[in-house]
PDB file of N, CA and C in Angstrom:
ATOM      1  N   MET A   1       0.463  -1.315   0.075  1.00  0.00           N
ATOM      2  CA  MET A   1       0.177   0.308  -0.038  1.00  0.00           C
ATOM      3  C   MET A   1       0.885   1.026  -0.215  1.00  0.00           C
ATOM      4  N   VAL A   2       0.554   2.798  -0.965  1.00  0.00           N
ATOM      5  CA  VAL A   2       0.878   3.476  -0.864  1.00  0.00           C
ATOM      6  C   VAL A   2       0.426   4.486   0.007  1.00  0.00           C
ATOM      7  N   HIS A   3       1.237   5.467   0.456  1.00  0.00           N
ATOM      8  CA  HIS A   3       0.384   6.204   1.810  1.00  0.00           C
ATOM      9  C   HIS A   3       0.731   7.451   0.556  1.00  0.00           C
ATOM     10  N   PRO A   4      -0.363   8.769   1.046  1.00  0.00           N
ATOM     11  CA  PRO A   4      -0.410   9.836   0.918  1.00  0.00           C
ATOM     12  C   PRO A   4       0.772  10.821   0.490  1.00  0.00           C
ATOM     13  N   ASP A   5       2.191  10.219   1.218  1.00  0.00           N
ATOM     14  CA  ASP A   5       3.087  10.865   1.219  1.00  0.00           C
ATOM     15  C   ASP A   5       4.094  10.314   1.334  1.00  0.00           C
ATOM     16  N   GLY A   6       4.504   8.795   0.039  1.00  0.00           N
ATOM     17  CA  GLY A   6       4.666   7.802  -0.398  1.00  0.00           C
ATOM     18  C   GLY A   6       6.123   7.012   0.284  1.00  0.00           C
ATOM     19  N   ILE A   7       5.152   6.294   1.306  1.00  0.00           N
ATOM     20  CA  ILE A   7       5.558   5.605   2.258  1.00  0.00           C
ATOM     21  C   ILE A   7       4.938   4.845   1.668  1.00  0.00           C
ATOM     22  N   VAL A   8       5.900   3.541   1.661  1.00  0.00           N
ATOM     23  CA  VAL A   8       5.296   1.621   0.959  1.00  0.00           C
ATOM     24  C   VAL A   8       4.955   1.151   1.982  1.00  0.00           C
ATOM     25  N   THR A   9       3.710   0.726   2.518  1.00  0.00           N
ATOM     26  CA  THR A   9       4.100  -0.459   3.400  1.00  0.00           C
ATOM     27  C   THR A   9       3.480  -1.917   3.022  1.00  0.00           C
ATOM     28  N   ALA A  10       3.278  -2.652   3.267  1.00  0.00           N
ATOM     29  CA  ALA A  10       2.621  -4.024   3.058  1.00  0.00           C
ATOM     30  C   ALA A  10       1.955  -4.031   3.606  1.00  0.00           C
ATOM     31  N   ILE A  11       0.724  -4.901   2.770  1.00  0.00           N
ATOM     32  CA  ILE A  11      -0.713  -5.091   3.427  1.00  0.00           C
ATOM     33  C   ILE A  11      -0.377  -6.423   3.765  1.00  0.00           C
ATOM     34  N   GLY A  12      -1.942  -6.496   5.598  1.00  0.00           N
ATOM     35  CA  GLY A  12      -1.833  -7.520   5.610  1.00  0.00           C
ATOM     36  C   GLY A  12      -0.984  -6.937   6.769  1.00  0.00           C
ATOM     37  N   LYS A  13      -1.307  -8.109   7.915  1.00  0.00           N
ATOM     38  CA  LYS A  13      -0.583  -8.205   9.450  1.00  0.00           C
ATOM     39  C   LYS A  13       0.885  -8.844   9.302  1.00  0.00           C
ATOM     40  N   PRO A  14       1.409  -8.298   9.553  1.00  0.00           N
ATOM     41  CA  PRO A  14       3.347  -9.047   9.717  1.00  0.00           C
ATOM     42  C   PRO A  14       3.293 -10.146  10.362  1.00  0.00           C
ATOM     43  N   SER A  15       3.518 -11.414  10.499  1.00  0.00           N
ATOM     44  CA  SER A  15       4.022 -12.113  11.163  1.00  0.00           C
ATOM     45  C   SER A  15       5.013 -11.744  11.838  1.00  0.00           C
ATOM     46  N   SER A  16       4.188 -11.651  13.606  1.00  0.00           N
ATOM     47  CA  SER A  16       5.431 -11.496  15.066  1.00  0.00           C
ATOM     48  C   SER A  16       6.441 -12.218  15.014  1.00  0.00           C
ATOM     49  N   ARG A  17       6.277 -13.265  14.845  1.00  0.00           N
ATOM     50  CA  ARG A  17       7.114 -14.671  15.630  1.00  0.00           C
ATOM     51  C   ARG A  17       7.554 -15.447  14.365  1.00  0.00           C
ATOM     52  N   LEU A  18       8.640 -16.402  14.801  1.00  0.00           N
ATOM     53  CA  LEU A  18       9.119 -17.120  14.140  1.00  0.00           C
ATOM     54  C   LEU A  18       8.454 -18.787  14.184  1.00  0.00           C
ATOM     55  N   ARG A  19       8.244 -19.491  13.185  1.00  0.00           N
ATOM     56  CA  ARG A  19       7.528 -20.420  12.721  1.00  0.00           C
ATOM     57  C   ARG A  19       8.667 -21.720  13.022  1.00  0.00           C
ATOM     58  N   PHE A  20       8.564 -22.519  13.776  1.00  0.00           N
ATOM     59  CA  PHE A  20       9.550 -23.591  13.128  1.00  0.00           C
ATOM     60  C   PHE A  20       8.890 -25.025  14.288  1.00  0.00           C
ATOM     61  N   ALA A  21       8.526 -25.305  12.863  1.00  0.00           N
ATOM     62  CA  ALA A  21       7.739 -26.253  12.383  1.00  0.00           C
ATOM     63  C   ALA A  21       7.655 -27.716  12.592  1.00  0.00           C
ATOM     64  N   PHE A  22       7.312 -28.847  13.273  1.00  0.00           N
ATOM     65  CA  PHE A  22       8.295 -30.660  13.455  1.00  0.00           C
ATOM     66  C   PHE A  22       7.888 -30.534  11.592  1.00  0.00           C
ATOM     67  N   PRO A  23       9.545 -30.933  11.160  1.00  0.00           N
ATOM     68  CA  PRO A  23       9.119 -31.202   9.431  1.00  0.00           C
ATOM     69  C   PRO A  23       9.095 -33.018   8.984  1.00  0.00           C
ATOM     70  N   LEU A  24       7.209 -33.394   9.189  1.00  0.00           N
ATOM     71  CA  LEU A  24       6.563 -34.204   8.943  1.00  0.00           C
ATOM     72  C   LEU A  24       6.483 -34.843   7.500  1.00  0.00           C
ATOM     73  N   LYS A  25       6.479 -34.176   6.868  1.00  0.00           N
ATOM     74  CA  LYS A  25       6.450 -34.466   5.402  1.00  0.00           C
ATOM     75  C   LYS A  25       7.480 -35.345   4.986  1.00  0.00           C
ATOM     76  N   GLY A  26       8.780 -34.008   5.397  1.00  0.00           N
ATOM     77  CA  GLY A  26      10.386 -34.761   5.459  1.00  0.00           C
ATOM     78  C   GLY A  26      10.915 -35.682   5.833  1.00  0.00           C
ATOM     79  N   ILE A  27       9.888 -36.418   7.123  1.00  0.00           N
ATOM     80  CA  ILE A  27      10.342 -37.112   7.528  1.00  0.00           C
ATOM     81  C   ILE A  27       9.651 -38.297   6.786  1.00  0.00           C
ATOM     82  N   ILE A  28       8.869 -38.222   6.643  1.00  0.00           N
ATOM     83  CA  ILE A  28       7.837 -39.205   5.984  1.00  0.00           C
ATOM     84  C   ILE A  28       8.357 -39.567   4.335  1.00  0.00           C
ATOM     85  N   LEU A  29       8.354 -38.667   3.476  1.00  0.00           N
ATOM     86  CA  LEU A  29       9.509 -38.983   2.436  1.00  0.00           C
ATOM     87  C   LEU A  29      10.707 -39.086   2.624  1.00  0.00           C
ATOM     88  N   SER A  30      11.099 -38.954   3.631  1.00  0.00           N
ATOM     89  CA  SER A  30      12.789 -40.080   4.568  1.00  0.00           C
ATOM     90  C   SER A  30      12.571 -41.271   4.270  1.00  0.00           C
ATOM     91  N   LEU A  31      11.738 -41.794   4.955  1.00  0.00           N
ATOM     92  CA  LEU A  31      11.312 -43.640   5.140  1.00  0.00           C
ATOM     93  C   LEU A  31      10.913 -43.606   3.653  1.00  0.00           C
ATOM     94  N   MET A  32       9.792 -43.040   3.209  1.00  0.00           N
ATOM     95  CA  MET A  32       9.551 -43.776   1.795  1.00  0.00           C
ATOM     96  C   MET A  32      10.633 -44.020   0.904  1.00  0.00           C
ATOM     97  N   VAL A  33      11.503 -43.046   1.042  1.00  0.00           N
ATOM     98  CA  VAL A  33      12.452 -43.636  -0.031  1.00  0.00           C
ATOM     99  C   VAL A  33      13.864 -44.658   0.839  1.00  0.00           C
ATOM    100  N   ALA A  34      13.668 -44.595   1.896  1.00  0.00           N
ATOM    101  CA  ALA A  34      14.715 -45.673   2.562  1.00  0.00           C
ATOM    102  C   ALA A  34      14.358 -47.082   2.716  1.00  0.00           C
ATOM    103  N   VAL A  35      12.506 -46.655   2.851  1.00  0.00           N
ATOM    104  CA  VAL A  35      12.261 -48.335   2.750  1.00  0.00           C
ATOM    105  C   VAL A  35      11.764 -48.670   0.907  1.00  0.00           C
ATOM    106  N   ALA A  36      12.415 -47.470  -0.194  1.00  0.00           N
ATOM    107  CA  ALA A  36      12.751 -48.040  -1.545  1.00  0.00           C
ATOM    108  C   ALA A  36      13.470 -48.486  -1.754  1.00  0.00           C
ATOM    109  N   VAL A  37      14.768 -47.893  -1.244  1.00  0.00           N
ATOM    110  CA  VAL A  37      15.505 -48.309  -1.337  1.00  0.00           C
ATOM    111  C   VAL A  37      16.194 -49.474  -0.480  1.00  0.00           C
ATOM    112  N   LYS A  38      15.392 -50.018   0.194  1.00  0.00           N
ATOM    113  CA  LYS A  38      15.800 -51.217   1.197  1.00  0.00           C
ATOM    114  C   LYS A  38      15.350 -52.518   0.292  1.00  0.00           C
ATOM    115  N   SER A  39      13.608 -52.346  -0.259  1.00  0.00           N
ATOM    116  CA  SER A  39      12.826 -53.034  -0.950  1.00  0.00           C
ATOM    117  C   SER A  39      13.763 -53.327  -2.459  1.00  0.00           C
ATOM    118  N   TYR A  40      14.596 -52.363  -2.600  1.00  0.00           N
ATOM    119  CA  TYR A  40      15.261 -52.295  -4.103  1.00  0.00           C
ATOM    120  C   TYR A  40      16.454 -53.361  -3.882  1.00  0.00           C
ATOM    121  N   LEU A  41      16.987 -53.192  -2.991  1.00  0.00           N
ATOM    122  CA  LEU A  41      18.369 -53.663  -2.292  1.00  0.00           C
ATOM    123  C   LEU A  41      17.634 -55.301  -2.256  1.00  0.00           C
ATOM    124  N   MET A  42      16.995 -55.422  -1.526  1.00  0.00           N
ATOM    125  CA  MET A  42      16.671 -57.017  -1.089  1.00  0.00           C
ATOM    126  C   MET A  42      16.262 -57.806  -2.578  1.00  0.00           C
ATOM    127  N   TRP A  43      15.652 -56.768  -3.969  1.00  0.00           N
ATOM    128  CA  TRP A  43      14.965 -57.682  -4.761  1.00  0.00           C
ATOM    129  C   TRP A  43      16.526 -57.867  -5.401  1.00  0.00           C
ATOM    130  N   PHE A  44      17.202 -56.874  -5.642  1.00  0.00           N
ATOM    131  CA  PHE A  44      18.628 -56.704  -6.515  1.00  0.00           C
ATOM    132  C   PHE A  44      19.279 -58.321  -6.212  1.00  0.00           C
ATOM    133  N   LEU A  45      19.569 -58.161  -4.780  1.00  0.00           N
ATOM    134  CA  LEU A  45      20.429 -59.373  -3.670  1.00  0.00           C
ATOM    135  C   LEU A  45      19.516 -60.405  -3.994  1.00  0.00           C
ATOM    136  N   GLY A  46      18.557 -60.529  -3.601  1.00  0.00           N
ATOM    137  CA  GLY A  46      18.238 -61.564  -3.694  1.00  0.00           C
ATOM    138  C   GLY A  46      17.515 -61.530  -2.112  1.00  0.00           C
ATOM    139  N   VAL A  47      16.600 -62.206  -1.583  1.00  0.00           N
ATOM    140  CA  VAL A  47      16.616 -62.518   0.177  1.00  0.00           C
ATOM    141  C   VAL A  47      17.709 -63.241   0.919  1.00  0.00           C
ATOM    142  N   GLU A  48      18.040 -64.059  -0.046  1.00  0.00           N
ATOM    143  CA  GLU A  48      18.723 -64.884   0.957  1.00  0.00           C
ATOM    144  C   GLU A  48      20.195 -64.512   1.033  1.00  0.00           C
ATOM    145  N   ILE A  49      20.595 -63.893   0.157  1.00  0.00           N
ATOM    146  CA  ILE A  49      21.736 -62.758   0.187  1.00  0.00           C
ATOM    147  C   ILE A  49      21.359 -61.531   1.149  1.00  0.00           C
ATOM    148  N   TYR A  50      20.699 -60.757   0.880  1.00  0.00           N
ATOM    149  CA  TYR A  50      20.539 -59.864   1.318  1.00  0.00           C
ATOM    150  C   TYR A  50      20.426 -59.899   3.697  1.00  0.00           C
ATOM    151  N   THR A  51      19.665 -61.486   3.499  1.00  0.00           N
ATOM    152  CA  THR A  51      19.628 -62.065   4.804  1.00  0.00           C
ATOM    153  C   THR A  51      21.073 -61.965   5.292  1.00  0.00           C
ATOM    154  N   LEU A  52      21.893 -62.524   4.655  1.00  0.00           N
ATOM    155  CA  LEU A  52      22.802 -62.921   4.944  1.00  0.00           C
ATOM    156  C   LEU A  52      24.222 -61.827   5.657  1.00  0.00           C
ATOM    157  N   GLU A  53      23.857 -60.884   4.515  1.00  0.00           N
ATOM    158  CA  GLU A  53      24.945 -59.250   4.946  1.00  0.00           C
ATOM    159  C   GLU A  53      24.382 -59.083   6.046  1.00  0.00           C
ATOM    160  N   VAL A  54      22.637 -59.181   6.370  1.00  0.00           N
ATOM    161  CA  VAL A  54      21.880 -58.274   7.255  1.00  0.00           C
ATOM    162  C   VAL A  54      22.339 -59.377   9.185  1.00  0.00           C
ATOM    163  N   GLN A  55      22.398 -60.442   8.687  1.00  0.00           N
ATOM    164  CA  GLN A  55      23.162 -60.958   9.954  1.00  0.00           C
ATOM    165  C   GLN A  55      24.541 -60.902   9.853  1.00  0.00           C
ATOM    166  N   SER A  56      25.496 -61.457   8.950  1.00  0.00           N
ATOM    167  CA  SER A  56      26.926 -60.348   9.348  1.00  0.00           C
ATOM    168  C   SER A  56      27.638 -58.760   9.734  1.00  0.00           C
ATOM    169  N   LEU A  57      26.126 -58.215   9.763  1.00  0.00           N
ATOM    170  CA  LEU A  57      25.927 -56.440  10.272  1.00  0.00           C
ATOM    171  C   LEU A  57      25.872 -56.962  11.871  1.00  0.00           C
ATOM    172  N   LEU A  58      24.784 -57.654  12.096  1.00  0.00           N
ATOM    173  CA  LEU A  58      24.249 -57.630  13.484  1.00  0.00           C
ATOM    174  C   LEU A  58      25.470 -58.249  14.127  1.00  0.00           C
ATOM    175  N   SER A  59      26.009 -59.156  14.038  1.00  0.00           N
ATOM    176  CA  SER A  59      27.600 -59.787  15.081  1.00  0.00           C
ATOM    177  C   SER A  59      28.729 -59.064  14.746  1.00  0.00           C
ATOM    178  N   GLY A  60      28.568 -57.483  14.381  1.00  0.00           N
ATOM    179  CA  GLY A  60      29.392 -56.614  14.083  1.00  0.00           C
ATOM    180  C   GLY A  60      29.655 -55.676  15.257  1.00  0.00           C
ATOM    181  N   SER A  61      30.248 -54.279  15.155  1.00  0.00           N
ATOM    182  CA  SER A  61      30.441 -53.550  15.939  1.00  0.00           C
ATOM    183  C   SER A  61      29.034 -53.018  16.120  1.00  0.00           C
ATOM    184  N   SER A  62      28.703 -51.952  17.208  1.00  0.00           N
ATOM    185  CA  SER A  62      28.014 -51.826  17.887  1.00  0.00           C
ATOM    186  C   SER A  62      27.272 -50.408  16.593  1.00  0.00           C
ATOM    187  N   PHE A  63      28.238 -49.982  16.146  1.00  0.00           N
ATOM    188  CA  PHE A  63      27.334 -48.724  14.959  1.00  0.00           C
ATOM    189  C   PHE A  63      26.221 -50.110  13.912  1.00  0.00           C
ATOM    190  N   GLU A  64      27.599 -51.064  13.850  1.00  0.00           N
ATOM    191  CA  GLU A  64      26.948 -52.757  13.005  1.00  0.00           C
ATOM    192  C   GLU A  64      25.814 -53.319  12.890  1.00  0.00           C
ATOM    193  N   ARG A  65      25.911 -53.358  14.103  1.00  0.00           N
ATOM    194  CA  ARG A  65      24.028 -53.991  14.856  1.00  0.00           C
ATOM    195  C   ARG A  65      23.122 -53.229  14.556  1.00  0.00           C
ATOM    196  N   ILE A  66      22.608 -51.394  14.902  1.00  0.00           N
ATOM    197  CA  ILE A  66      21.879 -51.121  14.740  1.00  0.00           C
ATOM    198  C   ILE A  66      21.676 -50.803  13.020  1.00  0.00           C
ATOM    199  N   ALA A  67      22.534 -50.628  12.244  1.00  0.00           N
ATOM    200  CA  ALA A  67      22.250 -50.950  10.922  1.00  0.00           C
ATOM    201  C   ALA A  67      21.623 -52.343  10.539  1.00  0.00           C
ATOM    202  N   GLY A  68      22.296 -52.908  11.245  1.00  0.00           N
ATOM    203  CA  GLY A  68      21.319 -54.180  10.595  1.00  0.00           C
ATOM    204  C   GLY A  68      19.745 -54.057  11.418  1.00  0.00           C
ATOM    205  N   LEU A  69      19.851 -53.849  12.764  1.00  0.00           N
ATOM    206  CA  LEU A  69      18.666 -53.575  12.735  1.00  0.00           C
ATOM    207  C   LEU A  69      17.256 -53.075  12.091  1.00  0.00           C
ATOM    208  N   ILE A  70      18.006 -51.978  11.585  1.00  0.00           N
ATOM    209  CA  ILE A  70      17.660 -51.215  10.563  1.00  0.00           C
ATOM    210  C   ILE A  70      17.281 -51.733   9.613  1.00  0.00           C
ATOM    211  N   LEU A  71      18.160 -52.504   8.573  1.00  0.00           N
ATOM    212  CA  LEU A  71      17.571 -52.822   7.603  1.00  0.00           C
ATOM    213  C   LEU A  71      17.111 -54.342   6.985  1.00  0.00           C
ATOM    214  N   MET A  72      17.168 -54.789   8.948  1.00  0.00           N
ATOM    215  CA  MET A  72      16.740 -56.033   8.468  1.00  0.00           C
ATOM    216  C   MET A  72      15.006 -56.383   7.827  1.00  0.00           C
ATOM    217  N   PRO A  73      14.394 -57.489   7.144  1.00  0.00           N
ATOM    218  CA  PRO A  73      13.414 -57.361   6.005  1.00  0.00           C
ATOM    219  C   PRO A  73      12.469 -57.195   6.665  1.00  0.00           C
ATOM    220  N   ASP A  74      10.719 -56.147   6.336  1.00  0.00           N
ATOM    221  CA  ASP A  74      10.086 -56.453   7.284  1.00  0.00           C
ATOM    222  C   ASP A  74       8.927 -56.361   6.317  1.00  0.00           C
ATOM    223  N   ALA A  75       7.244 -56.140   6.652  1.00  0.00           N
ATOM    224  CA  ALA A  75       6.392 -56.645   5.547  1.00  0.00           C
ATOM    225  C   ALA A  75       6.300 -55.220   5.014  1.00  0.00           C
ATOM    226  N   LEU A  76       6.347 -53.970   4.743  1.00  0.00           N
ATOM    227  CA  LEU A  76       6.426 -53.073   4.248  1.00  0.00           C
ATOM    228  C   LEU A  76       7.631 -53.590   2.686  1.00  0.00           C
ATOM    229  N   THR A  77       8.674 -53.314   3.092  1.00  0.00           N
ATOM    230  CA  THR A  77       9.759 -53.599   2.413  1.00  0.00           C
ATOM    231  C   THR A  77       9.605 -54.907   1.699  1.00  0.00           C
ATOM    232  N   MET A  78       8.908 -56.454   2.192  1.00  0.00           N
ATOM    233  CA  MET A  78       8.332 -56.776   0.960  1.00  0.00           C
ATOM    234  C   MET A  78       7.520 -56.778   0.332  1.00  0.00           C
ATOM    235  N   TRP A  79       6.788 -55.986   0.512  1.00  0.00           N
ATOM    236  CA  TRP A  79       5.493 -55.359  -0.585  1.00  0.00           C
ATOM    237  C   TRP A  79       6.260 -54.689  -1.833  1.00  0.00           C
ATOM    238  N   GLY A  80       7.294 -53.894  -0.897  1.00  0.00           N
ATOM    239  CA  GLY A  80       7.464 -53.200  -2.402  1.00  0.00           C
ATOM    240  C   GLY A  80       8.584 -53.765  -3.006  1.00  0.00           C
ATOM    241  N   MET A  81       9.506 -54.854  -2.557  1.00  0.00           N
ATOM    242  CA  MET A  81      10.735 -55.795  -2.976  1.00  0.00           C
ATOM    243  C   MET A  81       9.175 -56.425  -4.548  1.00  0.00           C
ATOM    244  N   GLU A  82       7.880 -57.364  -3.900  1.00  0.00           N
ATOM    245  CA  GLU A  82       7.319 -57.484  -4.948  1.00  0.00           C
ATOM    246  C   GLU A  82       6.681 -56.667  -5.862  1.00  0.00           C
ATOM    247  N   ARG A  83       7.026 -55.745  -5.761  1.00  0.00           N
ATOM    248  CA  ARG A  83       6.315 -54.023  -6.797  1.00  0.00           C
ATOM    249  C   ARG A  83       7.328 -54.106  -7.228  1.00  0.00           C
ATOM    250  N   PHE A  84       9.498 -54.123  -7.487  1.00  0.00           N
ATOM    251  CA  PHE A  84       9.838 -54.140  -8.141  1.00  0.00           C
ATOM    252  C   PHE A  84       9.917 -55.609  -9.030  1.00  0.00           C
ATOM    253  N   GLU A  85       9.139 -56.554  -8.863  1.00  0.00           N
ATOM    254  CA  GLU A  85       9.450 -57.986  -9.117  1.00  0.00           C
ATOM    255  C   GLU A  85       8.912 -57.242 -10.602  1.00  0.00           C
ATOM    256  N   ASP A  86       7.060 -56.785  -9.955  1.00  0.00           N
ATOM    257  CA  ASP A  86       5.996 -56.633 -10.756  1.00  0.00           C
ATOM    258  C   ASP A  86       6.689 -55.900 -12.392  1.00  0.00           C
ATOM    259  N   ILE A  87       7.499 -54.481 -11.103  1.00  0.00           N
ATOM    260  CA  ILE A  87       7.677 -53.772 -12.450  1.00  0.00           C
ATOM    261  C   ILE A  87       8.753 -54.537 -13.500  1.00  0.00           C
ATOM    262  N   ASN A  88       9.820 -55.309 -12.895  1.00  0.00           N
ATOM    263  CA  ASN A  88      10.772 -55.993 -13.829  1.00  0.00           C
ATOM    264  C   ASN A  88       9.956 -56.955 -14.762  1.00  0.00           C
ATOM    265  N   VAL A  89       8.871 -57.709 -14.386  1.00  0.00           N
ATOM    266  CA  VAL A  89       8.182 -58.834 -15.170  1.00  0.00           C
ATOM    267  C   VAL A  89       7.837 -57.551 -16.642  1.00  0.00           C
ATOM    268  N   PHE A  90       6.926 -56.057 -16.369  1.00  0.00           N
ATOM    269  CA  PHE A  90       5.792 -55.811 -17.132  1.00  0.00           C
ATOM    270  C   PHE A  90       7.189 -55.039 -18.124  1.00  0.00           C
ATOM    271  N   ILE A  91       8.021 -55.081 -17.656  1.00  0.00           N
ATOM    272  CA  ILE A  91       8.947 -54.091 -18.754  1.00  0.00           C
ATOM    273  C   ILE A  91       9.746 -55.179 -19.504  1.00  0.00           C
ATOM    274  N   ARG A  92      10.254 -56.069 -18.758  1.00  0.00           N
ATOM    275  CA  ARG A  92      10.682 -57.823 -19.902  1.00  0.00           C
ATOM    276  C   ARG A  92       9.243 -58.227 -20.929  1.00  0.00           C
ATOM    277  N   GLY A  93       8.250 -58.090 -20.274  1.00  0.00           N
ATOM    278  CA  GLY A  93       7.286 -58.488 -21.034  1.00  0.00           C
ATOM    279  C   GLY A  93       6.915 -57.599 -22.141  1.00  0.00           C
ATOM    280  N   GLY A  94       6.773 -56.320 -22.005  1.00  0.00           N
ATOM    281  CA  GLY A  94       6.946 -55.438 -23.246  1.00  0.00           C
ATOM    282  C   GLY A  94       8.387 -55.185 -24.021  1.00  0.00           C
ATOM    283  N   LEU A  95       9.226 -55.407 -23.497  1.00  0.00           N
ATOM    284  CA  LEU A  95      10.726 -55.623 -24.355  1.00  0.00           C
ATOM    285  C   LEU A  95      10.368 -56.774 -25.141  1.00  0.00           C
ATOM    286  N   ALA A  96       9.691 -58.044 -24.978  1.00  0.00           N
ATOM    287  CA  ALA A  96      10.305 -59.348 -25.674  1.00  0.00           C
ATOM    288  C   ALA A  96       8.981 -58.910 -26.992  1.00  0.00           C
ATOM    289  N   ALA A  97       7.452 -58.020 -26.013  1.00  0.00           N
ATOM    290  CA  ALA A  97       6.859 -57.959 -27.523  1.00  0.00           C
ATOM    291  C   ALA A  97       7.746 -57.309 -28.704  1.00  0.00           C
ATOM    292  N   GLN A  98       8.300 -56.445 -28.004  1.00  0.00           N
ATOM    293  CA  GLN A  98       8.484 -55.606 -28.581  1.00  0.00           C
ATOM    294  C   GLN A  98       9.991 -56.105 -29.870  1.00  0.00           C
ATOM    295  N   ALA A  99      10.524 -57.293 -29.212  1.00  0.00           N
ATOM    296  CA  ALA A  99      12.062 -57.674 -30.201  1.00  0.00           C
ATOM    297  C   ALA A  99      10.763 -58.451 -31.599  1.00  0.00           C
ATOM    298  N   ALA A 100       9.367 -59.305 -30.395  1.00  0.00           N
ATOM    299  CA  ALA A 100       9.000 -59.841 -32.031  1.00  0.00           C
ATOM    300  C   ALA A 100       8.499 -59.368 -33.182  1.00  0.00           C
TER     301      ALA A 100
END
């Protein structure tokens, strides 16, 4: 808003406090990416090899044990691994049909 004397002021009530909100969207997005990466690793390596690697982490140092606990297979990761397999079958089917 421009006043008659030429001074320009902002329209609306200025915010008088800083906003520090909990970054819920960022945490949810980070968890989704972590589950997707974990699912891809399980799909790419195979469940047996992945489980052996996690078991080797569980018998290591304290940091490796924590990583092993985080990387242990769970239901959500298994579901994501099945989706990666579905995508792989879909892509291979399309490539096979294109080659024929």
